[in-house]
PDB file of N, CA and C in Angstrom:
ATOM      1  N   MET A   1      23.073 -31.765 -14.515  1.00  0.00           N
ATOM      2  CA  MET A   1      22.207 -31.728 -13.216  1.00  0.00           C
ATOM      3  C   MET A   1      22.872 -29.796 -13.505  1.00  0.00           C
ATOM      4  N   ASN A   2      21.537 -29.097 -13.140  1.00  0.00           N
ATOM      5  CA  ASN A   2      21.916 -26.982 -13.032  1.00  0.00           C
ATOM      6  C   ASN A   2      21.899 -26.846 -11.538  1.00  0.00           C
ATOM      7  N   VAL A   3      23.035 -26.789 -11.440  1.00  0.00           N
ATOM      8  CA  VAL A   3      23.669 -25.689 -10.273  1.00  0.00           C
ATOM      9  C   VAL A   3      22.524 -24.431  -9.865  1.00  0.00           C
ATOM     10  N   GLY A   4      22.544 -24.016 -10.650  1.00  0.00           N
ATOM     11  CA  GLY A   4      21.909 -22.366 -11.335  1.00  0.00           C
ATOM     12  C   GLY A   4      23.054 -21.570 -10.518  1.00  0.00           C
ATOM     13  N   ASN A   5      22.958 -19.928 -10.944  1.00  0.00           N
ATOM     14  CA  ASN A   5      23.377 -18.611 -10.743  1.00  0.00           C
ATOM     15  C   ASN A   5      22.989 -18.470  -9.329  1.00  0.00           C
ATOM     16  N   HIS A   6      23.930 -18.555  -8.437  1.00  0.00           N
ATOM     17  CA  HIS A   6      23.382 -18.000  -7.111  1.00  0.00           C
ATOM     18  C   HIS A   6      22.687 -16.288  -6.703  1.00  0.00           C
ATOM     19  N   SER A   7      24.154 -15.796  -7.643  1.00  0.00           N
ATOM     20  CA  SER A   7      23.914 -14.782  -7.748  1.00  0.00           C
ATOM     21  C   SER A   7      22.802 -13.774  -8.285  1.00  0.00           C
ATOM     22  N   GLU A   8      21.453 -14.830  -9.355  1.00  0.00           N
ATOM     23  CA  GLU A   8      20.463 -14.240 -10.319  1.00  0.00           C
ATOM     24  C   GLU A   8      20.026 -14.383  -8.637  1.00  0.00           C
ATOM     25  N   ASP A   9      19.395 -16.128  -8.360  1.00  0.00           N
ATOM     26  CA  ASP A   9      18.383 -16.370  -7.077  1.00  0.00           C
ATOM     27  C   ASP A   9      18.289 -15.226  -6.187  1.00  0.00           C
ATOM     28  N   THR A  10      19.371 -14.931  -5.599  1.00  0.00           N
ATOM     29  CA  THR A  10      19.493 -13.403  -4.794  1.00  0.00           C
ATOM     30  C   THR A  10      18.732 -12.460  -5.576  1.00  0.00           C
ATOM     31  N   ARG A  11      18.924 -11.889  -6.596  1.00  0.00           N
ATOM     32  CA  ARG A  11      18.808 -10.758  -7.073  1.00  0.00           C
ATOM     33  C   ARG A  11      16.865 -11.428  -7.694  1.00  0.00           C
ATOM     34  N   ASN A  12      16.683 -12.668  -7.257  1.00  0.00           N
ATOM     35  CA  ASN A  12      15.429 -13.065  -8.107  1.00  0.00           C
ATOM     36  C   ASN A  12      13.898 -12.431  -6.683  1.00  0.00           C
ATOM     37  N   GLU A  13      15.186 -13.498  -5.738  1.00  0.00           N
ATOM     38  CA  GLU A  13      14.316 -13.197  -3.808  1.00  0.00           C
ATOM     39  C   GLU A  13      13.992 -11.705  -3.919  1.00  0.00           C
ATOM     40  N   ARG A  14      15.558 -11.244  -3.772  1.00  0.00           N
ATOM     41  CA  ARG A  14      14.912  -9.607  -3.196  1.00  0.00           C
ATOM     42  C   ARG A  14      14.136  -9.392  -4.196  1.00  0.00           C
ATOM     43  N   SER A  15      13.731  -9.072  -5.779  1.00  0.00           N
ATOM     44  CA  SER A  15      13.224  -8.861  -6.248  1.00  0.00           C
ATOM     45  C   SER A  15      11.223  -8.733  -5.564  1.00  0.00           C
ATOM     46  N   GLN A  16      11.789 -10.193  -5.146  1.00  0.00           N
ATOM     47  CA  GLN A  16      10.231 -10.765  -5.037  1.00  0.00           C
ATOM     48  C   GLN A  16       9.552  -9.676  -3.490  1.00  0.00           C
ATOM     49  N   VAL A  17      10.423  -9.299  -2.841  1.00  0.00           N
ATOM     50  CA  VAL A  17       9.850  -8.599  -1.238  1.00  0.00           C
ATOM     51  C   VAL A  17      11.079  -6.966  -1.175  1.00  0.00           C
ATOM     52  N   GLY A  18      11.452  -6.780  -2.738  1.00  0.00           N
ATOM     53  CA  GLY A  18      12.186  -5.376  -2.384  1.00  0.00           C
ATOM     54  C   GLY A  18      13.555  -5.636  -1.511  1.00  0.00           C
ATOM     55  N   SER A  19      14.488  -4.325  -1.517  1.00  0.00           N
ATOM     56  CA  SER A  19      15.415  -4.455  -0.680  1.00  0.00           C
ATOM     57  C   SER A  19      15.712  -4.535   0.592  1.00  0.00           C
ATOM     58  N   TYR A  20      15.922  -5.725   1.222  1.00  0.00           N
ATOM     59  CA  TYR A  20      16.206  -5.588   2.749  1.00  0.00           C
ATOM     60  C   TYR A  20      15.830  -4.528   3.749  1.00  0.00           C
ATOM     61  N   GLN A  21      16.548  -3.354   2.856  1.00  0.00           N
ATOM     62  CA  GLN A  21      17.123  -2.277   3.999  1.00  0.00           C
ATOM     63  C   GLN A  21      15.839  -1.595   3.631  1.00  0.00           C
ATOM     64  N   GLU A  22      14.673  -1.965   1.903  1.00  0.00           N
ATOM     65  CA  GLU A  22      13.648  -1.448   2.805  1.00  0.00           C
ATOM     66  C   GLU A  22      12.486  -1.950   3.691  1.00  0.00           C
ATOM     67  N   ASN A  23      12.294  -2.555   3.693  1.00  0.00           N
ATOM     68  CA  ASN A  23      11.833  -3.879   4.679  1.00  0.00           C
ATOM     69  C   ASN A  23      12.085  -4.103   6.211  1.00  0.00           C
ATOM     70  N   GLY A  24      12.808  -2.980   6.456  1.00  0.00           N
ATOM     71  CA  GLY A  24      13.537  -2.913   7.701  1.00  0.00           C
ATOM     72  C   GLY A  24      12.022  -2.049   8.758  1.00  0.00           C
ATOM     73  N   GLN A  25      12.035  -3.660  10.076  1.00  0.00           N
ATOM     74  CA  GLN A  25      11.317  -2.723  11.362  1.00  0.00           C
ATOM     75  C   GLN A  25      12.346  -3.079  12.079  1.00  0.00           C
ATOM     76  N   VAL A  26      11.458  -2.426  13.572  1.00  0.00           N
ATOM     77  CA  VAL A  26      12.307  -2.527  15.112  1.00  0.00           C
ATOM     78  C   VAL A  26      11.666  -3.242  15.229  1.00  0.00           C
ATOM     79  N   THR A  27      11.607  -3.409  17.376  1.00  0.00           N
ATOM     80  CA  THR A  27      11.237  -4.354  18.079  1.00  0.00           C
ATOM     81  C   THR A  27      10.117  -3.637  18.239  1.00  0.00           C
ATOM     82  N   GLY A  28       8.969  -4.150  18.775  1.00  0.00           N
ATOM     83  CA  GLY A  28       7.594  -3.817  18.958  1.00  0.00           C
ATOM     84  C   GLY A  28       6.973  -4.117  17.798  1.00  0.00           C
ATOM     85  N   GLU A  29       6.895  -3.096  16.557  1.00  0.00           N
ATOM     86  CA  GLU A  29       6.282  -3.905  15.411  1.00  0.00           C
ATOM     87  C   GLU A  29       5.794  -5.024  15.403  1.00  0.00           C
ATOM     88  N   THR A  30       5.016  -5.029  14.348  1.00  0.00           N
ATOM     89  CA  THR A  30       4.102  -6.167  14.310  1.00  0.00           C
ATOM     90  C   THR A  30       5.194  -6.375  12.884  1.00  0.00           C
ATOM     91  N   ALA A  31       5.267  -7.755  12.310  1.00  0.00           N
ATOM     92  CA  ALA A  31       5.525  -8.367  11.376  1.00  0.00           C
ATOM     93  C   ALA A  31       5.275  -8.256  10.317  1.00  0.00           C
ATOM     94  N   ARG A  32       5.160  -7.885   9.115  1.00  0.00           N
ATOM     95  CA  ARG A  32       4.384  -7.651   8.250  1.00  0.00           C
ATOM     96  C   ARG A  32       3.702  -8.852   7.363  1.00  0.00           C
ATOM     97  N   TYR A  33       5.226  -9.482   6.964  1.00  0.00           N
ATOM     98  CA  TYR A  33       5.386 -10.900   6.310  1.00  0.00           C
ATOM     99  C   TYR A  33       6.263 -11.965   7.081  1.00  0.00           C
ATOM    100  N   SER A  34       5.371 -13.055   6.897  1.00  0.00           N
ATOM    101  CA  SER A  34       6.406 -14.515   7.251  1.00  0.00           C
ATOM    102  C   SER A  34       7.472 -14.531   6.904  1.00  0.00           C
ATOM    103  N   GLY A  35       8.920 -14.915   7.600  1.00  0.00           N
ATOM    104  CA  GLY A  35       9.843 -15.163   6.736  1.00  0.00           C
ATOM    105  C   GLY A  35      11.129 -15.423   7.414  1.00  0.00           C
ATOM    106  N   LEU A  36      12.138 -14.885   6.839  1.00  0.00           N
ATOM    107  CA  LEU A  36      13.036 -15.401   7.263  1.00  0.00           C
ATOM    108  C   LEU A  36      13.807 -14.023   7.372  1.00  0.00           C
ATOM    109  N   TYR A  37      14.382 -13.299   8.447  1.00  0.00           N
ATOM    110  CA  TYR A  37      14.621 -11.589   8.256  1.00  0.00           C
ATOM    111  C   TYR A  37      16.546 -11.620   9.366  1.00  0.00           C
ATOM    112  N   LEU A  38      17.075 -10.868   8.613  1.00  0.00           N
ATOM    113  CA  LEU A  38      18.036 -10.879   9.761  1.00  0.00           C
ATOM    114  C   LEU A  38      18.174  -9.689  10.161  1.00  0.00           C
ATOM    115  N   ILE A  39      18.774  -9.808  11.590  1.00  0.00           N
ATOM    116  CA  ILE A  39      18.707  -9.086  13.008  1.00  0.00           C
ATOM    117  C   ILE A  39      19.991  -8.694  12.929  1.00  0.00           C
ATOM    118  N   GLU A  40      19.661  -7.270  13.641  1.00  0.00           N
ATOM    119  CA  GLU A  40      20.979  -6.567  13.556  1.00  0.00           C
ATOM    120  C   GLU A  40      20.928  -5.497  14.999  1.00  0.00           C
ATOM    121  N   HIS A  41      21.926  -5.364  15.122  1.00  0.00           N
ATOM    122  CA  HIS A  41      21.782  -5.411  17.003  1.00  0.00           C
ATOM    123  C   HIS A  41      23.615  -5.161  17.279  1.00  0.00           C
ATOM    124  N   SER A  42      23.611  -3.706  18.019  1.00  0.00           N
ATOM    125  CA  SER A  42      25.327  -3.099  17.753  1.00  0.00           C
ATOM    126  C   SER A  42      25.665  -3.109  19.033  1.00  0.00           C
ATOM    127  N   ASP A  43      24.543  -3.455  20.341  1.00  0.00           N
ATOM    128  CA  ASP A  43      25.793  -3.237  21.223  1.00  0.00           C
ATOM    129  C   ASP A  43      26.191  -4.206  22.049  1.00  0.00           C
ATOM    130  N   HIS A  44      26.567  -5.512  21.681  1.00  0.00           N
ATOM    131  CA  HIS A  44      27.437  -6.693  21.848  1.00  0.00           C
ATOM    132  C   HIS A  44      28.574  -6.813  21.339  1.00  0.00           C
ATOM    133  N   ALA A  45      29.654  -7.057  22.068  1.00  0.00           N
ATOM    134  CA  ALA A  45      31.016  -7.050  21.647  1.00  0.00           C
ATOM    135  C   ALA A  45      31.278  -5.351  20.620  1.00  0.00           C
ATOM    136  N   ALA A  46      32.587  -6.455  20.161  1.00  0.00           N
ATOM    137  CA  ALA A  46      32.660  -4.673  18.801  1.00  0.00           C
ATOM    138  C   ALA A  46      32.383  -4.500  18.100  1.00  0.00           C
ATOM    139  N   SER A  47      31.933  -6.080  17.145  1.00  0.00           N
ATOM    140  CA  SER A  47      31.437  -5.999  15.923  1.00  0.00           C
ATOM    141  C   SER A  47      30.139  -5.950  15.900  1.00  0.00           C
ATOM    142  N   ARG A  48      29.304  -5.227  14.896  1.00  0.00           N
ATOM    143  CA  ARG A  48      27.753  -5.103  14.751  1.00  0.00           C
ATOM    144  C   ARG A  48      27.328  -7.093  14.968  1.00  0.00           C
ATOM    145  N   ALA A  49      26.614  -7.333  15.181  1.00  0.00           N
ATOM    146  CA  ALA A  49      25.875  -9.384  15.600  1.00  0.00           C
ATOM    147  C   ALA A  49      24.715  -9.141  14.651  1.00  0.00           C
ATOM    148  N   GLN A  50      25.002  -9.875  13.834  1.00  0.00           N
ATOM    149  CA  GLN A  50      23.910 -10.406  12.828  1.00  0.00           C
ATOM    150  C   GLN A  50      23.231 -11.474  13.221  1.00  0.00           C
ATOM    151  N   LYS A  51      22.925 -11.736  13.088  1.00  0.00           N
ATOM    152  CA  LYS A  51      21.220 -12.974  12.910  1.00  0.00           C
ATOM    153  C   LYS A  51      20.550 -13.417  12.383  1.00  0.00           C
ATOM    154  N   GLU A  52      20.292 -14.383  11.913  1.00  0.00           N
ATOM    155  CA  GLU A  52      18.831 -14.945  11.220  1.00  0.00           C
ATOM    156  C   GLU A  52      18.409 -15.577  12.152  1.00  0.00           C
ATOM    157  N   ILE A  53      16.431 -14.942  11.591  1.00  0.00           N
ATOM    158  CA  ILE A  53      15.088 -15.883  12.133  1.00  0.00           C
ATOM    159  C   ILE A  53      14.628 -15.969  11.527  1.00  0.00           C
ATOM    160  N   LEU A  54      13.420 -17.007  12.128  1.00  0.00           N
ATOM    161  CA  LEU A  54      12.654 -16.939  11.544  1.00  0.00           C
ATOM    162  C   LEU A  54      11.190 -16.719  11.700  1.00  0.00           C
ATOM    163  N   ILE A  55      10.326 -15.658  11.782  1.00  0.00           N
ATOM    164  CA  ILE A  55       9.118 -14.806  12.158  1.00  0.00           C
ATOM    165  C   ILE A  55       8.005 -14.960  11.034  1.00  0.00           C
ATOM    166  N   VAL A  56       6.870 -15.051  12.193  1.00  0.00           N
ATOM    167  CA  VAL A  56       5.379 -15.556  11.807  1.00  0.00           C
ATOM    168  C   VAL A  56       4.573 -14.388  11.352  1.00  0.00           C
ATOM    169  N   LYS A  57       4.076 -14.009  10.594  1.00  0.00           N
ATOM    170  CA  LYS A  57       3.702 -12.720  10.316  1.00  0.00           C
ATOM    171  C   LYS A  57       2.211 -12.296  11.132  1.00  0.00           C
ATOM    172  N   GLY A  58       2.258 -11.172  11.759  1.00  0.00           N
ATOM    173  CA  GLY A  58       1.976 -10.974  12.796  1.00  0.00           C
ATOM    174  C   GLY A  58       1.984 -10.389  14.016  1.00  0.00           C
ATOM    175  N   ALA A  59       3.349 -10.949  14.619  1.00  0.00           N
ATOM    176  CA  ALA A  59       4.380 -11.335  15.937  1.00  0.00           C
ATOM    177  C   ALA A  59       4.744  -9.917  16.055  1.00  0.00           C
ATOM    178  N   VAL A  60       4.267  -9.646  17.651  1.00  0.00           N
ATOM    179  CA  VAL A  60       5.373  -8.467  17.780  1.00  0.00           C
ATOM    180  C   VAL A  60       7.277  -8.874  17.554  1.00  0.00           C
ATOM    181  N   LEU A  61       7.677  -8.018  16.924  1.00  0.00           N
ATOM    182  CA  LEU A  61       9.065  -7.925  17.088  1.00  0.00           C
ATOM    183  C   LEU A  61       9.458  -8.029  18.611  1.00  0.00           C
ATOM    184  N   PRO A  62      11.090  -8.306  18.692  1.00  0.00           N
ATOM    185  CA  PRO A  62      10.814  -8.421  20.407  1.00  0.00           C
ATOM    186  C   PRO A  62      12.044  -7.878  21.064  1.00  0.00           C
ATOM    187  N   ARG A  63      12.822  -7.621  21.531  1.00  0.00           N
ATOM    188  CA  ARG A  63      13.617  -6.890  22.497  1.00  0.00           C
ATOM    189  C   ARG A  63      14.724  -8.194  21.949  1.00  0.00           C
ATOM    190  N   CYS A  64      15.852  -7.772  22.176  1.00  0.00           N
ATOM    191  CA  CYS A  64      17.318  -8.632  22.796  1.00  0.00           C
ATOM    192  C   CYS A  64      17.190  -9.178  23.668  1.00  0.00           C
ATOM    193  N   PRO A  65      16.859 -10.605  24.271  1.00  0.00           N
ATOM    194  CA  PRO A  65      16.826 -11.668  25.221  1.00  0.00           C
ATOM    195  C   PRO A  65      18.370 -10.863  25.844  1.00  0.00           C
ATOM    196  N   ALA A  66      19.373 -11.356  25.749  1.00  0.00           N
ATOM    197  CA  ALA A  66      20.770 -10.611  26.816  1.00  0.00           C
ATOM    198  C   ALA A  66      20.393  -9.402  27.243  1.00  0.00           C
ATOM    199  N   CYS A  67      20.138  -8.339  26.466  1.00  0.00           N
ATOM    200  CA  CYS A  67      20.049  -6.960  27.143  1.00  0.00           C
ATOM    201  C   CYS A  67      18.846  -5.726  26.930  1.00  0.00           C
ATOM    202  N   ASN A  68      17.733  -6.717  26.544  1.00  0.00           N
ATOM    203  CA  ASN A  68      16.755  -6.239  26.987  1.00  0.00           C
ATOM    204  C   ASN A  68      16.736  -4.523  25.606  1.00  0.00           C
ATOM    205  N   GLU A  69      17.623  -4.374  24.677  1.00  0.00           N
ATOM    206  CA  GLU A  69      17.988  -3.277  23.793  1.00  0.00           C
ATOM    207  C   GLU A  69      17.160  -4.090  22.609  1.00  0.00           C
ATOM    208  N   PRO A  70      16.041  -2.976  22.122  1.00  0.00           N
ATOM    209  CA  PRO A  70      16.540  -2.943  20.606  1.00  0.00           C
ATOM    210  C   PRO A  70      16.282  -3.414  19.848  1.00  0.00           C
ATOM    211  N   LEU A  71      15.798  -3.787  18.415  1.00  0.00           N
ATOM    212  CA  LEU A  71      16.689  -4.641  17.455  1.00  0.00           C
ATOM    213  C   LEU A  71      16.385  -4.132  15.718  1.00  0.00           C
ATOM    214  N   ARG A  72      16.850  -3.994  15.181  1.00  0.00           N
ATOM    215  CA  ARG A  72      16.084  -4.176  13.707  1.00  0.00           C
ATOM    216  C   ARG A  72      16.221  -5.241  12.731  1.00  0.00           C
ATOM    217  N   PHE A  73      15.064  -5.419  12.082  1.00  0.00           N
ATOM    218  CA  PHE A  73      15.165  -6.378  11.847  1.00  0.00           C
ATOM    219  C   PHE A  73      14.518  -6.445   9.893  1.00  0.00           C
ATOM    220  N   PHE A  74      15.172  -7.657   9.383  1.00  0.00           N
ATOM    221  CA  PHE A  74      15.298  -7.184   7.376  1.00  0.00           C
ATOM    222  C   PHE A  74      14.576  -8.295   7.134  1.00  0.00           C
ATOM    223  N   LEU A  75      14.258  -8.199   6.696  1.00  0.00           N
ATOM    224  CA  LEU A  75      12.839  -9.357   5.901  1.00  0.00           C
ATOM    225  C   LEU A  75      14.154  -9.304   4.870  1.00  0.00           C
ATOM    226  N   LEU A  76      14.581 -10.777   4.671  1.00  0.00           N
ATOM    227  CA  LEU A  76      15.398 -11.823   4.171  1.00  0.00           C
ATOM    228  C   LEU A  76      14.804 -12.169   2.806  1.00  0.00           C
ATOM    229  N   ARG A  77      14.051 -13.160   3.652  1.00  0.00           N
ATOM    230  CA  ARG A  77      12.982 -13.824   2.272  1.00  0.00           C
ATOM    231  C   ARG A  77      11.414 -14.591   2.851  1.00  0.00           C
ATOM    232  N   ARG A  78      10.550 -14.079   1.760  1.00  0.00           N
ATOM    233  CA  ARG A  78       9.201 -14.552   2.648  1.00  0.00           C
ATOM    234  C   ARG A  78       8.792 -15.951   2.544  1.00  0.00           C
ATOM    235  N   VAL A  79       8.532 -16.270   3.934  1.00  0.00           N
ATOM    236  CA  VAL A  79       8.329 -17.901   3.988  1.00  0.00           C
ATOM    237  C   VAL A  79       6.824 -17.943   4.285  1.00  0.00           C
ATOM    238  N   ASP A  80       5.773 -18.395   4.175  1.00  0.00           N
ATOM    239  CA  ASP A  80       4.584 -18.604   4.310  1.00  0.00           C
ATOM    240  C   ASP A  80       5.037 -19.667   5.706  1.00  0.00           C
ATOM    241  N   HIS A  81       4.272 -19.534   6.813  1.00  0.00           N
ATOM    242  CA  HIS A  81       3.885 -20.175   7.455  1.00  0.00           C
ATOM    243  C   HIS A  81       2.719 -21.233   7.180  1.00  0.00           C
ATOM    244  N   ILE A  82       2.933 -22.757   7.346  1.00  0.00           N
ATOM    245  CA  ILE A  82       1.799 -23.418   7.541  1.00  0.00           C
ATOM    246  C   ILE A  82       0.263 -23.221   7.512  1.00  0.00           C
ATOM    247  N   ALA A  83      -0.007 -22.307   8.763  1.00  0.00           N
ATOM    248  CA  ALA A  83      -1.092 -21.515   9.525  1.00  0.00           C
ATOM    249  C   ALA A  83      -2.030 -20.912   8.158  1.00  0.00           C
ATOM    250  N   GLU A  84      -0.761 -20.087   7.464  1.00  0.00           N
ATOM    251  CA  GLU A  84      -1.278 -19.785   6.458  1.00  0.00           C
ATOM    252  C   GLU A  84      -1.720 -20.221   4.491  1.00  0.00           C
ATOM    253  N   ASP A  85      -1.188 -21.392   5.066  1.00  0.00           N
ATOM    254  CA  ASP A  85      -1.738 -21.928   3.778  1.00  0.00           C
ATOM    255  C   ASP A  85      -2.837 -22.644   4.559  1.00  0.00           C
ATOM    256  N   PRO A  86      -4.246 -22.109   3.044  1.00  0.00           N
ATOM    257  CA  PRO A  86      -5.625 -22.346   3.113  1.00  0.00           C
ATOM    258  C   PRO A  86      -5.603 -23.777   3.394  1.00  0.00           C
ATOM    259  N   ASP A  87      -5.097 -24.586   2.652  1.00  0.00           N
ATOM    260  CA  ASP A  87      -4.974 -25.866   2.478  1.00  0.00           C
ATOM    261  C   ASP A  87      -4.841 -27.013   3.541  1.00  0.00           C
ATOM    262  N   PHE A  88      -4.549 -25.774   5.082  1.00  0.00           N
ATOM    263  CA  PHE A  88      -4.287 -26.802   6.043  1.00  0.00           C
ATOM    264  C   PHE A  88      -5.062 -25.921   7.415  1.00  0.00           C
ATOM    265  N   HIS A  89      -6.421 -25.825   6.980  1.00  0.00           N
ATOM    266  CA  HIS A  89      -7.263 -25.012   7.736  1.00  0.00           C
ATOM    267  C   HIS A  89      -8.339 -26.245   8.233  1.00  0.00           C
TER     268      HIS A  89
END
């Protein structure tokens, strides 16, 4: 069984979308890609809060639901939504 090299897999995924830092977007912008995004928000607690969320291409990126402050979104991995697949139209 080939388990693979995690660091190599991660490099390959990032090369598909570029560095996640280069793909940063903010609240109010429209998501350029469907995929898994890292959300950064520093206004809660002493440390920075980070979460991952699936966002569909074209969605308006939201504010924090707890405090209504803007968030930063970084694309980690592109994942096509089923609605984007021509076989399901």
